[in-house]
Amino acid sequence: MVVEFVVDQRKAVGRIVEPGAATKYGYKKGEEMFHLAADAHGDWVGEVRWRGVSGTQHWDGIRMVAQASALTATMTNDGCYKTMAKVR
């Protein structure tokens, strides 16, 4: 999956650019995947849309730290976003 983040001041929205193998979970191009806000420490805190193969979905809490070459995330239920490579 490829996700593009658009930042406006201290808020960011991540939308799916290319769902790749995540189409089996129902993710689609253009879908909003992340809603984030910068906290006082420079981390990005918010929620991520999670889906299972059975069709269940919900928004989970997530904290992301932007680094030079990756976004590192902590979330409660899934390790998928632990280290996402930055493309730009």
PDB file of N, CA and C in Angstrom:
ATOM      1  N   MET A   1       0.840  -1.165   0.000  1.00  0.00           N
ATOM      2  CA  MET A   1       0.000   0.000   0.000  1.00  0.00           C
ATOM      3  C   MET A   1       0.894   1.241   0.000  1.00  0.00           C
ATOM      4  N   VAL A   2       0.484   2.248  -0.767  1.00  0.00           N
ATOM      5  CA  VAL A   2       1.166   3.537  -0.766  1.00  0.00           C
ATOM      6  C   VAL A   2       0.173   4.568  -0.249  1.00  0.00           C
ATOM      7  N   VAL A   3       0.585   5.327   0.771  1.00  0.00           N
ATOM      8  CA  VAL A   3      -0.255   6.351   1.379  1.00  0.00           C
ATOM      9  C   VAL A   3       0.444   7.692   1.239  1.00  0.00           C
ATOM     10  N   GLU A   4      -0.306   8.708   0.825  1.00  0.00           N
ATOM     11  CA  GLU A   4       0.242  10.062   0.715  1.00  0.00           C
ATOM     12  C   GLU A   4      -0.376  10.913   1.820  1.00  0.00           C
ATOM     13  N   PHE A   5       0.480  11.656   2.527  1.00  0.00           N
ATOM     14  CA  PHE A   5       0.029  12.536   3.596  1.00  0.00           C
ATOM     15  C   PHE A   5       0.020  13.976   3.109  1.00  0.00           C
ATOM     16  N   VAL A   6      -1.070  14.672   3.398  1.00  0.00           N
ATOM     17  CA  VAL A   6      -1.166  16.100   3.117  1.00  0.00           C
ATOM     18  C   VAL A   6      -1.233  16.797   4.466  1.00  0.00           C
ATOM     19  N   VAL A   7      -0.287  17.725   4.687  1.00  0.00           N
ATOM     20  CA  VAL A   7      -0.186  18.428   5.965  1.00  0.00           C
ATOM     21  C   VAL A   7      -0.673  19.859   5.795  1.00  0.00           C
ATOM     22  N   ASP A   8      -1.546  20.294   6.697  1.00  0.00           N
ATOM     23  CA  ASP A   8      -2.050  21.661   6.735  1.00  0.00           C
ATOM     24  C   ASP A   8      -1.868  22.161   8.159  1.00  0.00           C
ATOM     25  N   GLN A   9      -0.839  23.003   8.333  1.00  0.00           N
ATOM     26  CA  GLN A   9      -0.488  23.495   9.668  1.00  0.00           C
ATOM     27  C   GLN A   9      -0.087  22.314  10.550  1.00  0.00           C
ATOM     28  N   ARG A  10      -0.884  22.017  11.571  1.00  0.00           N
ATOM     29  CA  ARG A  10      -0.555  20.954  12.526  1.00  0.00           C
ATOM     30  C   ARG A  10      -1.481  19.750  12.376  1.00  0.00           C
ATOM     31  N   LYS A  11      -2.179  19.652  11.243  1.00  0.00           N
ATOM     32  CA  LYS A  11      -3.066  18.511  10.977  1.00  0.00           C
ATOM     33  C   LYS A  11      -2.632  17.836   9.688  1.00  0.00           C
ATOM     34  N   ALA A  12      -2.878  16.537   9.593  1.00  0.00           N
ATOM     35  CA  ALA A  12      -2.517  15.783   8.396  1.00  0.00           C
ATOM     36  C   ALA A  12      -3.577  14.729   8.108  1.00  0.00           C
ATOM     37  N   VAL A  13      -3.778  14.479   6.823  1.00  0.00           N
ATOM     38  CA  VAL A  13      -4.675  13.417   6.370  1.00  0.00           C
ATOM     39  C   VAL A  13      -3.868  12.527   5.439  1.00  0.00           C
ATOM     40  N   GLY A  14      -3.939  11.225   5.645  1.00  0.00           N
ATOM     41  CA  GLY A  14      -3.270  10.262   4.774  1.00  0.00           C
ATOM     42  C   GLY A  14      -4.302   9.558   3.916  1.00  0.00           C
ATOM     43  N   ARG A  15      -4.105   9.616   2.587  1.00  0.00           N
ATOM     44  CA  ARG A  15      -5.015   8.956   1.643  1.00  0.00           C
ATOM     45  C   ARG A  15      -4.262   7.879   0.871  1.00  0.00           C
ATOM     46  N   ILE A  16      -4.970   6.839   0.516  1.00  0.00           N
ATOM     47  CA  ILE A  16      -4.373   5.732  -0.229  1.00  0.00           C
ATOM     48  C   ILE A  16      -4.162   6.149  -1.679  1.00  0.00           C
ATOM     49  N   VAL A  17      -2.917   6.034  -2.141  1.00  0.00           N
ATOM     50  CA  VAL A  17      -2.566   6.311  -3.526  1.00  0.00           C
ATOM     51  C   VAL A  17      -2.627   5.022  -4.329  1.00  0.00           C
ATOM     52  N   GLU A  18      -2.104   3.951  -3.741  1.00  0.00           N
ATOM     53  CA  GLU A  18      -2.100   2.631  -4.387  1.00  0.00           C
ATOM     54  C   GLU A  18      -2.338   1.582  -3.309  1.00  0.00           C
ATOM     55  N   PRO A  19      -3.490   0.895  -3.338  1.00  0.00           N
ATOM     56  CA  PRO A  19      -3.781  -0.076  -2.282  1.00  0.00           C
ATOM     57  C   PRO A  19      -2.956  -1.356  -2.348  1.00  0.00           C
ATOM     58  N   GLY A  20      -2.463  -1.724  -3.527  1.00  0.00           N
ATOM     59  CA  GLY A  20      -1.661  -2.948  -3.639  1.00  0.00           C
ATOM     60  C   GLY A  20      -2.386  -4.155  -3.084  1.00  0.00           C
ATOM     61  N   ALA A  21      -1.683  -4.962  -2.304  1.00  0.00           N
ATOM     62  CA  ALA A  21      -2.247  -6.192  -1.739  1.00  0.00           C
ATOM     63  C   ALA A  21      -3.353  -5.919  -0.716  1.00  0.00           C
ATOM     64  N   ALA A  22      -3.470  -4.680  -0.238  1.00  0.00           N
ATOM     65  CA  ALA A  22      -4.499  -4.347   0.755  1.00  0.00           C
ATOM     66  C   ALA A  22      -5.905  -4.316   0.160  1.00  0.00           C
ATOM     67  N   THR A  23      -6.015  -4.465  -1.169  1.00  0.00           N
ATOM     68  CA  THR A  23      -7.355  -4.543  -1.770  1.00  0.00           C
ATOM     69  C   THR A  23      -8.125  -5.746  -1.232  1.00  0.00           C
ATOM     70  N   LYS A  24      -7.408  -6.781  -0.803  1.00  0.00           N
ATOM     71  CA  LYS A  24      -8.100  -7.956  -0.249  1.00  0.00           C
ATOM     72  C   LYS A  24      -8.817  -7.623   1.058  1.00  0.00           C
ATOM     73  N   TYR A  25      -8.449  -6.506   1.689  1.00  0.00           N
ATOM     74  CA  TYR A  25      -9.116  -6.050   2.907  1.00  0.00           C
ATOM     75  C   TYR A  25     -10.183  -5.001   2.616  1.00  0.00           C
ATOM     76  N   GLY A  26     -10.329  -4.620   1.343  1.00  0.00           N
ATOM     77  CA  GLY A  26     -11.346  -3.644   0.970  1.00  0.00           C
ATOM     78  C   GLY A  26     -10.861  -2.223   0.856  1.00  0.00           C
ATOM     79  N   TYR A  27      -9.554  -1.993   1.016  1.00  0.00           N
ATOM     80  CA  TYR A  27      -9.034  -0.636   0.876  1.00  0.00           C
ATOM     81  C   TYR A  27      -9.068  -0.209  -0.587  1.00  0.00           C
ATOM     82  N   LYS A  28      -9.341   1.097  -0.824  1.00  0.00           N
ATOM     83  CA  LYS A  28      -9.476   1.609  -2.184  1.00  0.00           C
ATOM     84  C   LYS A  28      -8.643   2.876  -2.385  1.00  0.00           C
ATOM     85  N   LYS A  29      -8.250   3.098  -3.618  1.00  0.00           N
ATOM     86  CA  LYS A  29      -7.509   4.302  -3.989  1.00  0.00           C
ATOM     87  C   LYS A  29      -8.340   5.537  -3.626  1.00  0.00           C
ATOM     88  N   GLY A  30      -7.688   6.537  -3.016  1.00  0.00           N
ATOM     89  CA  GLY A  30      -8.343   7.780  -2.633  1.00  0.00           C
ATOM     90  C   GLY A  30      -8.977   7.763  -1.255  1.00  0.00           C
ATOM     91  N   GLU A  31      -9.076   6.610  -0.635  1.00  0.00           N
ATOM     92  CA  GLU A  31      -9.705   6.492   0.679  1.00  0.00           C
ATOM     93  C   GLU A  31      -8.844   7.127   1.769  1.00  0.00           C
ATOM     94  N   GLU A  32      -9.498   7.821   2.692  1.00  0.00           N
ATOM     95  CA  GLU A  32      -8.778   8.375   3.840  1.00  0.00           C
ATOM     96  C   GLU A  32      -8.421   7.246   4.783  1.00  0.00           C
ATOM     97  N   MET A  33      -7.129   7.199   5.139  1.00  0.00           N
ATOM     98  CA  MET A  33      -6.605   6.114   5.959  1.00  0.00           C
ATOM     99  C   MET A  33      -6.137   6.623   7.324  1.00  0.00           C
ATOM    100  N   PHE A  34      -5.639   7.863   7.366  1.00  0.00           N
ATOM    101  CA  PHE A  34      -5.110   8.454   8.594  1.00  0.00           C
ATOM    102  C   PHE A  34      -5.697   9.836   8.824  1.00  0.00           C
ATOM    103  N   HIS A  35      -5.982  10.161  10.085  1.00  0.00           N
ATOM    104  CA  HIS A  35      -6.313  11.516  10.540  1.00  0.00           C
ATOM    105  C   HIS A  35      -5.351  11.803  11.691  1.00  0.00           C
ATOM    106  N   LEU A  36      -4.505  12.807  11.541  1.00  0.00           N
ATOM    107  CA  LEU A  36      -3.462  13.060  12.539  1.00  0.00           C
ATOM    108  C   LEU A  36      -3.372  14.546  12.901  1.00  0.00           C
ATOM    109  N   ALA A  37      -2.846  14.817  14.088  1.00  0.00           N
ATOM    110  CA  ALA A  37      -2.543  16.182  14.527  1.00  0.00           C
ATOM    111  C   ALA A  37      -1.197  16.148  15.246  1.00  0.00           C
ATOM    112  N   ALA A  38      -0.401  17.194  15.039  1.00  0.00           N
ATOM    113  CA  ALA A  38       0.914  17.276  15.698  1.00  0.00           C
ATOM    114  C   ALA A  38       0.710  17.633  17.156  1.00  0.00           C
ATOM    115  N   ASP A  39       1.417  16.928  18.050  1.00  0.00           N
ATOM    116  CA  ASP A  39       1.332  17.263  19.469  1.00  0.00           C
ATOM    117  C   ASP A  39       2.481  18.192  19.846  1.00  0.00           C
ATOM    118  N   ALA A  40       2.550  18.560  21.091  1.00  0.00           N
ATOM    119  CA  ALA A  40       3.557  19.511  21.563  1.00  0.00           C
ATOM    120  C   ALA A  40       4.984  18.992  21.444  1.00  0.00           C
ATOM    121  N   HIS A  41       5.154  17.674  21.302  1.00  0.00           N
ATOM    122  CA  HIS A  41       6.485  17.070  21.208  1.00  0.00           C
ATOM    123  C   HIS A  41       6.916  16.807  19.773  1.00  0.00           C
ATOM    124  N   GLY A  42       6.059  17.147  18.803  1.00  0.00           N
ATOM    125  CA  GLY A  42       6.391  16.922  17.402  1.00  0.00           C
ATOM    126  C   GLY A  42       5.955  15.577  16.851  1.00  0.00           C
ATOM    127  N   ASP A  43       5.323  14.751  17.685  1.00  0.00           N
ATOM    128  CA  ASP A  43       4.769  13.490  17.199  1.00  0.00           C
ATOM    129  C   ASP A  43       3.437  13.776  16.513  1.00  0.00           C
ATOM    130  N   TRP A  44       3.010  12.858  15.671  1.00  0.00           N
ATOM    131  CA  TRP A  44       1.715  12.956  15.008  1.00  0.00           C
ATOM    132  C   TRP A  44       0.796  11.928  15.655  1.00  0.00           C
ATOM    133  N   VAL A  45      -0.302  12.395  16.228  1.00  0.00           N
ATOM    134  CA  VAL A  45      -1.209  11.548  16.996  1.00  0.00           C
ATOM    135  C   VAL A  45      -2.598  11.600  16.374  1.00  0.00           C
ATOM    136  N   GLY A  46      -3.237  10.451  16.281  1.00  0.00           N
ATOM    137  CA  GLY A  46      -4.582  10.433  15.715  1.00  0.00           C
ATOM    138  C   GLY A  46      -5.116   9.039  15.563  1.00  0.00           C
ATOM    139  N   GLU A  47      -5.674   8.765  14.379  1.00  0.00           N
ATOM    140  CA  GLU A  47      -6.309   7.476  14.159  1.00  0.00           C
ATOM    141  C   GLU A  47      -6.018   6.957  12.762  1.00  0.00           C
ATOM    142  N   VAL A  48      -6.078   5.633  12.654  1.00  0.00           N
ATOM    143  CA  VAL A  48      -5.856   4.931  11.396  1.00  0.00           C
ATOM    144  C   VAL A  48      -7.029   3.979  11.176  1.00  0.00           C
ATOM    145  N   ARG A  49      -7.500   3.907   9.913  1.00  0.00           N
ATOM    146  CA  ARG A  49      -8.596   2.990   9.578  1.00  0.00           C
ATOM    147  C   ARG A  49      -8.019   1.576   9.458  1.00  0.00           C
ATOM    148  N   TRP A  50      -8.590   0.648  10.207  1.00  0.00           N
ATOM    149  CA  TRP A  50      -8.156  -0.748  10.196  1.00  0.00           C
ATOM    150  C   TRP A  50      -9.279  -1.607   9.637  1.00  0.00           C
ATOM    151  N   ARG A  51      -8.913  -2.554   8.781  1.00  0.00           N
ATOM    152  CA  ARG A  51      -9.890  -3.501   8.230  1.00  0.00           C
ATOM    153  C   ARG A  51      -9.341  -4.911   8.320  1.00  0.00           C
ATOM    154  N   GLY A  52     -10.242  -5.848   8.546  1.00  0.00           N
ATOM    155  CA  GLY A  52      -9.884  -7.259   8.542  1.00  0.00           C
ATOM    156  C   GLY A  52     -10.421  -7.936   7.293  1.00  0.00           C
ATOM    157  N   VAL A  53      -9.942  -9.129   7.011  1.00  0.00           N
ATOM    158  CA  VAL A  53     -10.365  -9.885   5.839  1.00  0.00           C
ATOM    159  C   VAL A  53     -11.874 -10.145   5.875  1.00  0.00           C
ATOM    160  N   SER A  54     -12.447 -10.298   7.051  1.00  0.00           N
ATOM    161  CA  SER A  54     -13.878 -10.592   7.179  1.00  0.00           C
ATOM    162  C   SER A  54     -14.759  -9.385   6.885  1.00  0.00           C
ATOM    163  N   GLY A  55     -14.148  -8.205   6.693  1.00  0.00           N
ATOM    164  CA  GLY A  55     -14.922  -7.003   6.415  1.00  0.00           C
ATOM    165  C   GLY A  55     -15.093  -6.099   7.617  1.00  0.00           C
ATOM    166  N   THR A  56     -14.666  -6.549   8.792  1.00  0.00           N
ATOM    167  CA  THR A  56     -14.754  -5.682   9.967  1.00  0.00           C
ATOM    168  C   THR A  56     -13.815  -4.500   9.785  1.00  0.00           C
ATOM    169  N   GLN A  57     -14.217  -3.350  10.300  1.00  0.00           N
ATOM    170  CA  GLN A  57     -13.353  -2.174  10.233  1.00  0.00           C
ATOM    171  C   GLN A  57     -13.630  -1.267  11.419  1.00  0.00           C
ATOM    172  N   HIS A  58     -12.615  -0.507  11.794  1.00  0.00           N
ATOM    173  CA  HIS A  58     -12.749   0.484  12.853  1.00  0.00           C
ATOM    174  C   HIS A  58     -11.547   1.425  12.784  1.00  0.00           C
ATOM    175  N   TRP A  59     -11.635   2.499  13.510  1.00  0.00           N
ATOM    176  CA  TRP A  59     -10.523   3.454  13.608  1.00  0.00           C
ATOM    177  C   TRP A  59      -9.775   3.147  14.892  1.00  0.00           C
ATOM    178  N   ASP A  60      -8.448   3.027  14.801  1.00  0.00           N
ATOM    179  CA  ASP A  60      -7.589   2.764  15.962  1.00  0.00           C
ATOM    180  C   ASP A  60      -6.683   3.955  16.212  1.00  0.00           C
ATOM    181  N   GLY A  61      -6.312   4.130  17.466  1.00  0.00           N
ATOM    182  CA  GLY A  61      -5.370   5.173  17.826  1.00  0.00           C
ATOM    183  C   GLY A  61      -3.977   4.864  17.288  1.00  0.00           C
ATOM    184  N   ILE A  62      -3.241   5.912  16.920  1.00  0.00           N
ATOM    185  CA  ILE A  62      -1.881   5.734  16.400  1.00  0.00           C
ATOM    186  C   ILE A  62      -1.046   6.961  16.754  1.00  0.00           C
ATOM    187  N   ARG A  63       0.230   6.743  16.995  1.00  0.00           N
ATOM    188  CA  ARG A  63       1.209   7.819  17.220  1.00  0.00           C
ATOM    189  C   ARG A  63       2.347   7.575  16.241  1.00  0.00           C
ATOM    190  N   MET A  64       2.679   8.604  15.464  1.00  0.00           N
ATOM    191  CA  MET A  64       3.725   8.467  14.453  1.00  0.00           C
ATOM    192  C   MET A  64       4.830   9.486  14.699  1.00  0.00           C
ATOM    193  N   VAL A  65       6.056   9.068  14.434  1.00  0.00           N
ATOM    194  CA  VAL A  65       7.221   9.949  14.550  1.00  0.00           C
ATOM    195  C   VAL A  65       7.871  10.024  13.175  1.00  0.00           C
ATOM    196  N   ALA A  66       7.980  11.223  12.632  1.00  0.00           N
ATOM    197  CA  ALA A  66       8.599  11.416  11.318  1.00  0.00           C
ATOM    198  C   ALA A  66      10.108  11.514  11.484  1.00  0.00           C
ATOM    199  N   GLN A  67      10.820  10.711  10.695  1.00  0.00           N
ATOM    200  CA  GLN A  67      12.275  10.747  10.680  1.00  0.00           C
ATOM    201  C   GLN A  67      12.713  11.010   9.243  1.00  0.00           C
ATOM    202  N   ALA A  68      13.991  11.144   9.015  1.00  0.00           N
ATOM    203  CA  ALA A  68      14.498  11.476   7.685  1.00  0.00           C
ATOM    204  C   ALA A  68      14.088  10.469   6.616  1.00  0.00           C
ATOM    205  N   SER A  69      14.056   9.178   6.947  1.00  0.00           N
ATOM    206  CA  SER A  69      13.770   8.185   5.919  1.00  0.00           C
ATOM    207  C   SER A  69      12.589   7.267   6.242  1.00  0.00           C
ATOM    208  N   ALA A  70      11.905   7.497   7.358  1.00  0.00           N
ATOM    209  CA  ALA A  70      10.795   6.611   7.717  1.00  0.00           C
ATOM    210  C   ALA A  70       9.824   7.303   8.652  1.00  0.00           C
ATOM    211  N   LEU A  71       8.605   6.779   8.676  1.00  0.00           N
ATOM    212  CA  LEU A  71       7.622   7.135   9.687  1.00  0.00           C
ATOM    213  C   LEU A  71       7.525   5.933  10.610  1.00  0.00           C
ATOM    214  N   THR A  72       7.775   6.135  11.890  1.00  0.00           N
ATOM    215  CA  THR A  72       7.701   5.052  12.856  1.00  0.00           C
ATOM    216  C   THR A  72       6.424   5.246  13.655  1.00  0.00           C
ATOM    217  N   ALA A  73       5.656   4.174  13.826  1.00  0.00           N
ATOM    218  CA  ALA A  73       4.354   4.310  14.469  1.00  0.00           C
ATOM    219  C   ALA A  73       4.176   3.320  15.607  1.00  0.00           C
ATOM    220  N   THR A  74       3.365   3.745  16.568  1.00  0.00           N
ATOM    221  CA  THR A  74       2.929   2.879  17.648  1.00  0.00           C
ATOM    222  C   THR A  74       1.413   2.848  17.591  1.00  0.00           C
ATOM    223  N   MET A  75       0.859   1.654  17.531  1.00  0.00           N
ATOM    224  CA  MET A  75      -0.597   1.516  17.571  1.00  0.00           C
ATOM    225  C   MET A  75      -0.948   0.306  18.408  1.00  0.00           C
ATOM    226  N   THR A  76      -2.210   0.173  18.738  1.00  0.00           N
ATOM    227  CA  THR A  76      -2.607  -0.833  19.716  1.00  0.00           C
ATOM    228  C   THR A  76      -2.791  -2.231  19.168  1.00  0.00           C
ATOM    229  N   ASN A  77      -3.134  -2.397  17.877  1.00  0.00           N
ATOM    230  CA  ASN A  77      -3.551  -3.733  17.452  1.00  0.00           C
ATOM    231  C   ASN A  77      -2.757  -4.359  16.318  1.00  0.00           C
ATOM    232  N   ASP A  78      -1.859  -3.647  15.683  1.00  0.00           N
ATOM    233  CA  ASP A  78      -1.271  -4.176  14.460  1.00  0.00           C
ATOM    234  C   ASP A  78       0.128  -3.609  14.272  1.00  0.00           C
ATOM    235  N   GLY A  79       1.041  -4.429  13.800  1.00  0.00           N
ATOM    236  CA  GLY A  79       2.405  -3.985  13.566  1.00  0.00           C
ATOM    237  C   GLY A  79       2.656  -3.481  12.150  1.00  0.00           C
ATOM    238  N   CYS A  80       1.627  -3.385  11.325  1.00  0.00           N
ATOM    239  CA  CYS A  80       1.806  -3.009   9.908  1.00  0.00           C
ATOM    240  C   CYS A  80       2.520  -1.673   9.718  1.00  0.00           C
ATOM    241  N   TYR A  81       2.294  -0.738  10.604  1.00  0.00           N
ATOM    242  CA  TYR A  81       2.815   0.612  10.390  1.00  0.00           C
ATOM    243  C   TYR A  81       4.040   0.939  11.233  1.00  0.00           C
ATOM    244  N   LYS A  82       4.703  -0.090  11.754  1.00  0.00           N
ATOM    245  CA  LYS A  82       5.833   0.164  12.654  1.00  0.00           C
ATOM    246  C   LYS A  82       6.951   0.951  11.992  1.00  0.00           C
ATOM    247  N   THR A  83       7.289   0.658  10.760  1.00  0.00           N
ATOM    248  CA  THR A  83       8.312   1.426  10.049  1.00  0.00           C
ATOM    249  C   THR A  83       7.925   1.526   8.587  1.00  0.00           C
ATOM    250  N   MET A  84       7.360   2.662   8.209  1.00  0.00           N
ATOM    251  CA  MET A  84       6.975   2.890   6.820  1.00  0.00           C
ATOM    252  C   MET A  84       8.037   3.737   6.150  1.00  0.00           C
ATOM    253  N   ALA A  85       8.550   3.280   5.029  1.00  0.00           N
ATOM    254  CA  ALA A  85       9.569   4.037   4.313  1.00  0.00           C
ATOM    255  C   ALA A  85       8.975   5.306   3.728  1.00  0.00           C
ATOM    256  N   LYS A  86       9.732   6.396   3.824  1.00  0.00           N
ATOM    257  CA  LYS A  86       9.308   7.649   3.204  1.00  0.00           C
ATOM    258  C   LYS A  86       9.800   7.644   1.753  1.00  0.00           C
ATOM    259  N   VAL A  87       8.917   8.024   0.845  1.00  0.00           N
ATOM    260  CA  VAL A  87       9.290   8.047  -0.569  1.00  0.00           C
ATOM    261  C   VAL A  87       9.835   9.401  -0.949  1.00  0.00           C
ATOM    262  N   ARG A  88       9.295  10.458  -0.412  1.00  0.00           N
ATOM    263  CA  ARG A  88       9.762  11.808  -0.763  1.00  0.00           C
ATOM    264  C   ARG A  88      10.380  12.496   0.395  1.00  0.00           C
TER     265      ARG A  88
END
